[in-house]
Amino acid sequence: MSLLPLMFRSLVRLISALMSQPTASVTTLLFYSNLLPRNLNLERMVRRELLDEENHLFHFLISFLRCLW
């Protein structure tokens, strides 16, 4: 299996999540990057379904943010 279709699907999923639910997507990224405080009100905005195994770019962004800060 080529890497291009795998990353293209992941890119489409990431863009569609950011376009359809921008607040939930950004909150999920920041929450799992440990950049948001552990707060019950913020945890309600986190969408765990964005963290499936095939969403590679979403996991890459989380890892990148963890390393950056």
PDB file of N, CA and C in Angstrom:
ATOM      1  N   MET A   1       0.840  -1.181   0.000  1.00  0.00           N
ATOM      2  CA  MET A   1       0.000   0.000   0.000  1.00  0.00           C
ATOM      3  C   MET A   1       0.877   1.234   0.000  1.00  0.00           C
ATOM      4  N   SER A   2       0.546   2.125  -0.856  1.00  0.00           N
ATOM      5  CA  SER A   2       1.309   3.353  -0.996  1.00  0.00           C
ATOM      6  C   SER A   2       1.007   4.302   0.164  1.00  0.00           C
ATOM      7  N   LEU A   3       1.938   5.156   0.428  1.00  0.00           N
ATOM      8  CA  LEU A   3       1.786   6.105   1.529  1.00  0.00           C
ATOM      9  C   LEU A   3       0.892   7.285   1.150  1.00  0.00           C
ATOM     10  N   LEU A   4       0.837   7.634  -0.123  1.00  0.00           N
ATOM     11  CA  LEU A   4       0.066   8.789  -0.568  1.00  0.00           C
ATOM     12  C   LEU A   4      -1.434   8.656  -0.294  1.00  0.00           C
ATOM     13  N   PRO A   5      -2.090   7.546  -0.638  1.00  0.00           N
ATOM     14  CA  PRO A   5      -3.528   7.457  -0.314  1.00  0.00           C
ATOM     15  C   PRO A   5      -3.807   7.477   1.182  1.00  0.00           C
ATOM     16  N   LEU A   6      -2.907   6.894   1.949  1.00  0.00           N
ATOM     17  CA  LEU A   6      -3.071   6.873   3.396  1.00  0.00           C
ATOM     18  C   LEU A   6      -3.025   8.284   3.972  1.00  0.00           C
ATOM     19  N   MET A   7      -2.057   9.073   3.542  1.00  0.00           N
ATOM     20  CA  MET A   7      -1.930  10.435   4.047  1.00  0.00           C
ATOM     21  C   MET A   7      -2.997  11.359   3.454  1.00  0.00           C
ATOM     22  N   PHE A   8      -3.426  11.081   2.227  1.00  0.00           N
ATOM     23  CA  PHE A   8      -4.481  11.899   1.627  1.00  0.00           C
ATOM     24  C   PHE A   8      -5.788  11.722   2.388  1.00  0.00           C
ATOM     25  N   ARG A   9      -6.116  10.484   2.744  1.00  0.00           N
ATOM     26  CA  ARG A   9      -7.323  10.241   3.545  1.00  0.00           C
ATOM     27  C   ARG A   9      -7.231  10.935   4.893  1.00  0.00           C
ATOM     28  N   SER A  10      -6.057  10.869   5.492  1.00  0.00           N
ATOM     29  CA  SER A  10      -5.864  11.504   6.788  1.00  0.00           C
ATOM     30  C   SER A  10      -5.976  13.030   6.666  1.00  0.00           C
ATOM     31  N   LEU A  11      -5.449  13.583   5.588  1.00  0.00           N
ATOM     32  CA  LEU A  11      -5.543  15.022   5.363  1.00  0.00           C
ATOM     33  C   LEU A  11      -6.985  15.455   5.155  1.00  0.00           C
ATOM     34  N   VAL A  12      -7.734  14.681   4.396  1.00  0.00           N
ATOM     35  CA  VAL A  12      -9.146  15.000   4.159  1.00  0.00           C
ATOM     36  C   VAL A  12      -9.929  14.936   5.468  1.00  0.00           C
ATOM     37  N   ARG A  13      -9.651  13.948   6.292  1.00  0.00           N
ATOM     38  CA  ARG A  13     -10.346  13.825   7.580  1.00  0.00           C
ATOM     39  C   ARG A  13      -9.997  14.985   8.505  1.00  0.00           C
ATOM     40  N   LEU A  14      -8.728  15.389   8.509  1.00  0.00           N
ATOM     41  CA  LEU A  14      -8.304  16.500   9.355  1.00  0.00           C
ATOM     42  C   LEU A  14      -8.954  17.803   8.904  1.00  0.00           C
ATOM     43  N   ILE A  15      -8.948  18.063   7.618  1.00  0.00           N
ATOM     44  CA  ILE A  15      -9.540  19.302   7.105  1.00  0.00           C
ATOM     45  C   ILE A  15     -11.049  19.316   7.321  1.00  0.00           C
ATOM     46  N   SER A  16     -11.687  18.186   7.095  1.00  0.00           N
ATOM     47  CA  SER A  16     -13.142  18.157   7.304  1.00  0.00           C
ATOM     48  C   SER A  16     -13.498  18.346   8.771  1.00  0.00           C
ATOM     49  N   ALA A  17     -12.692  17.808   9.678  1.00  0.00           N
ATOM     50  CA  ALA A  17     -12.947  18.018  11.105  1.00  0.00           C
ATOM     51  C   ALA A  17     -12.734  19.479  11.490  1.00  0.00           C
ATOM     52  N   LEU A  18     -11.688  20.092  10.943  1.00  0.00           N
ATOM     53  CA  LEU A  18     -11.424  21.498  11.254  1.00  0.00           C
ATOM     54  C   LEU A  18     -12.467  22.425  10.642  1.00  0.00           C
ATOM     55  N   MET A  19     -13.040  22.028   9.507  1.00  0.00           N
ATOM     56  CA  MET A  19     -14.056  22.863   8.869  1.00  0.00           C
ATOM     57  C   MET A  19     -15.431  22.690   9.526  1.00  0.00           C
ATOM     58  N   SER A  20     -15.783  21.464   9.877  1.00  0.00           N
ATOM     59  CA  SER A  20     -17.121  21.226  10.413  1.00  0.00           C
ATOM     60  C   SER A  20     -17.229  21.532  11.907  1.00  0.00           C
ATOM     61  N   GLN A  21     -16.189  21.225  12.658  1.00  0.00           N
ATOM     62  CA  GLN A  21     -16.192  21.460  14.110  1.00  0.00           C
ATOM     63  C   GLN A  21     -14.876  22.124  14.523  1.00  0.00           C
ATOM     64  N   PRO A  22     -14.683  23.387  14.190  1.00  0.00           N
ATOM     65  CA  PRO A  22     -13.377  24.006  14.470  1.00  0.00           C
ATOM     66  C   PRO A  22     -13.056  24.097  15.960  1.00  0.00           C
ATOM     67  N   THR A  23     -14.017  24.436  16.777  1.00  0.00           N
ATOM     68  CA  THR A  23     -13.759  24.587  18.207  1.00  0.00           C
ATOM     69  C   THR A  23     -13.435  23.248  18.852  1.00  0.00           C
ATOM     70  N   ALA A  24     -14.194  22.237  18.529  1.00  0.00           N
ATOM     71  CA  ALA A  24     -13.955  20.910  19.103  1.00  0.00           C
ATOM     72  C   ALA A  24     -12.631  20.338  18.623  1.00  0.00           C
ATOM     73  N   SER A  25     -12.277  20.580  17.369  1.00  0.00           N
ATOM     74  CA  SER A  25     -11.015  20.050  16.836  1.00  0.00           C
ATOM     75  C   SER A  25      -9.811  20.709  17.503  1.00  0.00           C
ATOM     76  N   VAL A  26      -9.856  22.017  17.609  1.00  0.00           N
ATOM     77  CA  VAL A  26      -8.731  22.734  18.237  1.00  0.00           C
ATOM     78  C   VAL A  26      -8.648  22.401  19.721  1.00  0.00           C
ATOM     79  N   THR A  27      -9.775  22.309  20.381  1.00  0.00           N
ATOM     80  CA  THR A  27      -9.782  21.941  21.797  1.00  0.00           C
ATOM     81  C   THR A  27      -9.227  20.539  21.995  1.00  0.00           C
ATOM     82  N   THR A  28      -9.582  19.612  21.126  1.00  0.00           N
ATOM     83  CA  THR A  28      -9.062  18.249  21.218  1.00  0.00           C
ATOM     84  C   THR A  28      -7.560  18.225  21.001  1.00  0.00           C
ATOM     85  N   LEU A  29      -7.083  18.974  20.006  1.00  0.00           N
ATOM     86  CA  LEU A  29      -5.639  19.053  19.764  1.00  0.00           C
ATOM     87  C   LEU A  29      -4.898  19.592  20.983  1.00  0.00           C
ATOM     88  N   LEU A  30      -5.381  20.682  21.519  1.00  0.00           N
ATOM     89  CA  LEU A  30      -4.708  21.301  22.664  1.00  0.00           C
ATOM     90  C   LEU A  30      -4.829  20.455  23.928  1.00  0.00           C
ATOM     91  N   PHE A  31      -5.955  19.802  24.104  1.00  0.00           N
ATOM     92  CA  PHE A  31      -6.174  18.990  25.300  1.00  0.00           C
ATOM     93  C   PHE A  31      -5.222  17.794  25.329  1.00  0.00           C
ATOM     94  N   TYR A  32      -5.119  17.076  24.222  1.00  0.00           N
ATOM     95  CA  TYR A  32      -4.246  15.908  24.186  1.00  0.00           C
ATOM     96  C   TYR A  32      -2.772  16.278  24.036  1.00  0.00           C
ATOM     97  N   SER A  33      -2.498  17.529  23.708  1.00  0.00           N
ATOM     98  CA  SER A  33      -1.122  18.006  23.684  1.00  0.00           C
ATOM     99  C   SER A  33      -0.674  18.496  25.053  1.00  0.00           C
ATOM    100  N   ASN A  34      -1.565  18.399  26.026  1.00  0.00           N
ATOM    101  CA  ASN A  34      -1.312  18.854  27.400  1.00  0.00           C
ATOM    102  C   ASN A  34      -1.067  20.355  27.475  1.00  0.00           C
ATOM    103  N   LEU A  35      -1.715  21.103  26.600  1.00  0.00           N
ATOM    104  CA  LEU A  35      -1.605  22.556  26.625  1.00  0.00           C
ATOM    105  C   LEU A  35      -2.825  23.216  27.253  1.00  0.00           C
ATOM    106  N   LEU A  36      -3.862  22.445  27.514  1.00  0.00           N
ATOM    107  CA  LEU A  36      -5.038  22.941  28.214  1.00  0.00           C
ATOM    108  C   LEU A  36      -5.076  22.333  29.611  1.00  0.00           C
ATOM    109  N   PRO A  37      -5.557  23.078  30.582  1.00  0.00           N
ATOM    110  CA  PRO A  37      -5.686  22.496  31.921  1.00  0.00           C
ATOM    111  C   PRO A  37      -6.758  21.420  31.945  1.00  0.00           C
ATOM    112  N   ARG A  38      -6.612  20.470  32.836  1.00  0.00           N
ATOM    113  CA  ARG A  38      -7.611  19.409  32.995  1.00  0.00           C
ATOM    114  C   ARG A  38      -8.806  19.995  33.720  1.00  0.00           C
ATOM    115  N   ASN A  39      -9.820  20.327  32.949  1.00  0.00           N
ATOM    116  CA  ASN A  39     -10.997  20.996  33.468  1.00  0.00           C
ATOM    117  C   ASN A  39     -12.219  20.277  32.915  1.00  0.00           C
ATOM    118  N   LEU A  40     -13.218  20.062  33.731  1.00  0.00           N
ATOM    119  CA  LEU A  40     -14.410  19.340  33.303  1.00  0.00           C
ATOM    120  C   LEU A  40     -15.147  20.083  32.194  1.00  0.00           C
ATOM    121  N   ASN A  41     -15.182  21.400  32.251  1.00  0.00           N
ATOM    122  CA  ASN A  41     -15.858  22.173  31.202  1.00  0.00           C
ATOM    123  C   ASN A  41     -15.137  22.048  29.868  1.00  0.00           C
ATOM    124  N   LEU A  42     -13.814  22.014  29.886  1.00  0.00           N
ATOM    125  CA  LEU A  42     -13.060  21.851  28.643  1.00  0.00           C
ATOM    126  C   LEU A  42     -13.142  20.417  28.125  1.00  0.00           C
ATOM    127  N   GLU A  43     -13.222  19.447  29.026  1.00  0.00           N
ATOM    128  CA  GLU A  43     -13.316  18.050  28.602  1.00  0.00           C
ATOM    129  C   GLU A  43     -14.613  17.764  27.869  1.00  0.00           C
ATOM    130  N   ARG A  44     -15.631  18.546  28.111  1.00  0.00           N
ATOM    131  CA  ARG A  44     -16.900  18.362  27.393  1.00  0.00           C
ATOM    132  C   ARG A  44     -16.770  18.725  25.927  1.00  0.00           C
ATOM    133  N   MET A  45     -15.839  19.587  25.602  1.00  0.00           N
ATOM    134  CA  MET A  45     -15.647  20.006  24.216  1.00  0.00           C
ATOM    135  C   MET A  45     -14.735  19.064  23.435  1.00  0.00           C
ATOM    136  N   VAL A  46     -14.031  18.183  24.129  1.00  0.00           N
ATOM    137  CA  VAL A  46     -13.081  17.265  23.489  1.00  0.00           C
ATOM    138  C   VAL A  46     -13.853  16.153  22.790  1.00  0.00           C
ATOM    139  N   ARG A  47     -13.496  15.887  21.546  1.00  0.00           N
ATOM    140  CA  ARG A  47     -14.119  14.824  20.756  1.00  0.00           C
ATOM    141  C   ARG A  47     -13.146  13.666  20.610  1.00  0.00           C
ATOM    142  N   ARG A  48     -13.402  12.594  21.341  1.00  0.00           N
ATOM    143  CA  ARG A  48     -12.518  11.438  21.317  1.00  0.00           C
ATOM    144  C   ARG A  48     -12.583  10.663  20.005  1.00  0.00           C
ATOM    145  N   GLU A  49     -13.651  10.833  19.243  1.00  0.00           N
ATOM    146  CA  GLU A  49     -13.766  10.130  17.972  1.00  0.00           C
ATOM    147  C   GLU A  49     -12.782  10.665  16.929  1.00  0.00           C
ATOM    148  N   LEU A  50     -12.189  11.823  17.177  1.00  0.00           N
ATOM    149  CA  LEU A  50     -11.179  12.347  16.263  1.00  0.00           C
ATOM    150  C   LEU A  50      -9.841  11.621  16.418  1.00  0.00           C
ATOM    151  N   LEU A  51      -9.701  10.833  17.461  1.00  0.00           N
ATOM    152  CA  LEU A  51      -8.430  10.171  17.746  1.00  0.00           C
ATOM    153  C   LEU A  51      -8.392   8.711  17.291  1.00  0.00           C
ATOM    154  N   ASP A  52      -9.072   8.388  16.223  1.00  0.00           N
ATOM    155  CA  ASP A  52      -9.001   7.008  15.755  1.00  0.00           C
ATOM    156  C   ASP A  52      -7.632   6.732  15.135  1.00  0.00           C
ATOM    157  N   GLU A  53      -7.338   5.481  14.869  1.00  0.00           N
ATOM    158  CA  GLU A  53      -6.003   5.076  14.433  1.00  0.00           C
ATOM    159  C   GLU A  53      -5.636   5.575  13.041  1.00  0.00           C
ATOM    160  N   GLU A  54      -6.617   5.830  12.191  1.00  0.00           N
ATOM    161  CA  GLU A  54      -6.324   6.221  10.814  1.00  0.00           C
ATOM    162  C   GLU A  54      -6.119   7.718  10.637  1.00  0.00           C
ATOM    163  N   ASN A  55      -6.328   8.481  11.652  1.00  0.00           N
ATOM    164  CA  ASN A  55      -6.157   9.928  11.560  1.00  0.00           C
ATOM    165  C   ASN A  55      -4.719  10.288  11.934  1.00  0.00           C
ATOM    166  N   HIS A  56      -3.797   9.971  11.041  1.00  0.00           N
ATOM    167  CA  HIS A  56      -2.364  10.105  11.315  1.00  0.00           C
ATOM    168  C   HIS A  56      -1.921  11.555  11.472  1.00  0.00           C
ATOM    169  N   LEU A  57      -2.447  12.445  10.676  1.00  0.00           N
ATOM    170  CA  LEU A  57      -2.031  13.843  10.770  1.00  0.00           C
ATOM    171  C   LEU A  57      -2.519  14.499  12.061  1.00  0.00           C
ATOM    172  N   PHE A  58      -3.651  14.070  12.548  1.00  0.00           N
ATOM    173  CA  PHE A  58      -4.143  14.579  13.830  1.00  0.00           C
ATOM    174  C   PHE A  58      -3.192  14.153  14.954  1.00  0.00           C
ATOM    175  N   HIS A  59      -2.756  12.891  14.925  1.00  0.00           N
ATOM    176  CA  HIS A  59      -1.788  12.412  15.911  1.00  0.00           C
ATOM    177  C   HIS A  59      -0.434  13.098  15.739  1.00  0.00           C
ATOM    178  N   PHE A  60      -0.053  13.381  14.499  1.00  0.00           N
ATOM    179  CA  PHE A  60       1.200  14.098  14.250  1.00  0.00           C
ATOM    180  C   PHE A  60       1.146  15.498  14.852  1.00  0.00           C
ATOM    181  N   LEU A  61       0.031  16.199  14.668  1.00  0.00           N
ATOM    182  CA  LEU A  61      -0.099  17.540  15.240  1.00  0.00           C
ATOM    183  C   LEU A  61      -0.054  17.512  16.764  1.00  0.00           C
ATOM    184  N   ILE A  62      -0.674  16.520  17.352  1.00  0.00           N
ATOM    185  CA  ILE A  62      -0.633  16.394  18.813  1.00  0.00           C
ATOM    186  C   ILE A  62       0.798  16.164  19.283  1.00  0.00           C
ATOM    187  N   SER A  63       1.521  15.269  18.617  1.00  0.00           N
ATOM    188  CA  SER A  63       2.916  14.996  18.998  1.00  0.00           C
ATOM    189  C   SER A  63       3.796  16.223  18.766  1.00  0.00           C
ATOM    190  N   PHE A  64       3.556  16.921  17.689  1.00  0.00           N
ATOM    191  CA  PHE A  64       4.335  18.116  17.399  1.00  0.00           C
ATOM    192  C   PHE A  64       4.122  19.189  18.456  1.00  0.00           C
ATOM    193  N   LEU A  65       2.883  19.390  18.862  1.00  0.00           N
ATOM    194  CA  LEU A  65       2.590  20.373  19.897  1.00  0.00           C
ATOM    195  C   LEU A  65       3.161  19.967  21.254  1.00  0.00           C
ATOM    196  N   ARG A  66       3.187  18.675  21.540  1.00  0.00           N
ATOM    197  CA  ARG A  66       3.797  18.217  22.795  1.00  0.00           C
ATOM    198  C   ARG A  66       5.284  18.508  22.818  1.00  0.00           C
ATOM    199  N   CYS A  67       5.933  18.343  21.682  1.00  0.00           N
ATOM    200  CA  CYS A  67       7.381  18.601  21.604  1.00  0.00           C
ATOM    201  C   CYS A  67       7.701  20.088  21.588  1.00  0.00           C
ATOM    202  N   LEU A  68       6.803  20.859  21.001  1.00  0.00           N
ATOM    203  CA  LEU A  68       7.064  22.290  20.830  1.00  0.00           C
ATOM    204  C   LEU A  68       6.977  23.029  22.162  1.00  0.00           C
ATOM    205  N   TRP A  69       6.006  22.685  22.987  1.00  0.00           N
ATOM    206  CA  TRP A  69       5.846  23.380  24.255  1.00  0.00           C
ATOM    207  C   TRP A  69       6.274  22.493  25.362  1.00  0.00           C
TER     208      TRP A  69
END
